[in-house]
Amino acid sequence: MARYIVRASGAAGPVEFLERLTIDQALKKAEHLRDADFTHIVIVNELTGTAIKDVEELIRKRSAD
């Protein structure tokens, strides 16, 4: 199963959460960061390095389900 890390920037500067999360956990963490006014949230596949940059769209889809 793929694991992800979450990166974001906010008023205090950039943050990176190095804990290895499932995609659902990463989206939940991204949603909390967005609600805390962080911007430029990126979810990165730890194995491939592929970055998901349109996190807002994924959060909307997840909430709609």
Protein backbone atom coordinates (compact mmCIF):
# COMPACT_ATOMS: atom_id res chain seq x y z
CA MET A 1 0.00 0.00 0.00
CA ALA A 2 1.31 3.44 -0.92
CA ARG A 3 2.30 5.84 1.83
CA TYR A 4 2.22 9.62 1.66
CA ILE A 5 3.73 12.63 3.38
CA VAL A 6 2.09 16.05 3.57
CA ARG A 7 3.75 19.41 2.92
CA ALA A 8 2.17 22.84 3.35
CA SER A 9 3.04 26.45 3.92
CA GLY A 10 1.34 28.99 6.13
CA ALA A 11 1.94 32.24 7.95
CA ALA A 12 4.58 30.57 10.13
CA GLY A 13 6.41 29.18 7.10
CA PRO A 14 6.63 25.74 5.49
CA VAL A 15 5.86 22.51 7.33
CA GLU A 16 6.40 18.90 6.36
CA PHE A 17 4.83 15.95 8.12
CA LEU A 18 7.15 13.00 7.70
CA GLU A 19 4.84 10.41 9.19
CA ARG A 20 3.87 7.87 6.55
CA LEU A 21 0.13 8.09 5.97
CA THR A 22 -2.42 6.28 3.85
CA ILE A 23 -4.11 8.46 1.25
CA ASP A 24 -7.21 8.80 3.47
CA GLN A 25 -5.09 9.88 6.43
CA ALA A 26 -3.14 12.31 4.23
CA LEU A 27 -6.34 13.86 2.92
CA LYS A 28 -7.69 14.22 6.45
CA LYS A 29 -4.42 15.90 7.53
CA ALA A 30 -4.60 18.17 4.46
CA GLU A 31 -8.18 19.12 5.32
CA HIS A 32 -7.15 20.07 8.87
CA LEU A 33 -4.26 22.12 7.51
CA ARG A 34 -6.55 23.91 5.07
CA ASP A 35 -8.98 24.68 7.89
CA ALA A 36 -6.03 26.11 9.86
CA ASP A 37 -5.32 28.52 6.95
CA PHE A 38 -2.33 26.68 5.50
CA THR A 39 -1.90 27.10 1.77
CA HIS A 40 -0.03 25.28 -0.98
CA ILE A 41 -0.79 21.86 0.48
CA VAL A 42 0.88 18.99 -1.36
CA ILE A 43 0.58 15.25 -0.76
CA VAL A 44 3.66 13.32 -1.91
CA ASN A 45 3.86 9.59 -2.61
CA GLU A 46 6.83 8.53 -0.51
CA LEU A 47 7.88 5.70 -2.82
CA THR A 48 7.66 7.43 -6.21
CA GLY A 49 8.00 11.08 -5.23
CA THR A 50 4.88 11.93 -7.22
CA ALA A 51 3.23 15.06 -5.84
CA ILE A 52 -0.53 15.61 -5.74
CA LYS A 53 -0.96 19.36 -5.93
CA ASP A 54 -4.72 19.70 -6.47
CA VAL A 55 -5.48 18.59 -2.94
CA GLU A 56 -8.50 20.89 -2.64
CA GLU A 57 -10.30 18.96 -5.40
CA LEU A 58 -9.60 15.63 -3.69
CA ILE A 59 -10.89 16.99 -0.37
CA ARG A 60 -14.12 18.13 -2.09
CA LYS A 61 -14.60 14.73 -3.72
CA ARG A 62 -13.92 12.94 -0.44
CA SER A 63 -16.45 15.12 1.39
CA ALA A 64 -19.08 14.48 -1.28
CA ASP A 65 -18.85 10.69 -0.84
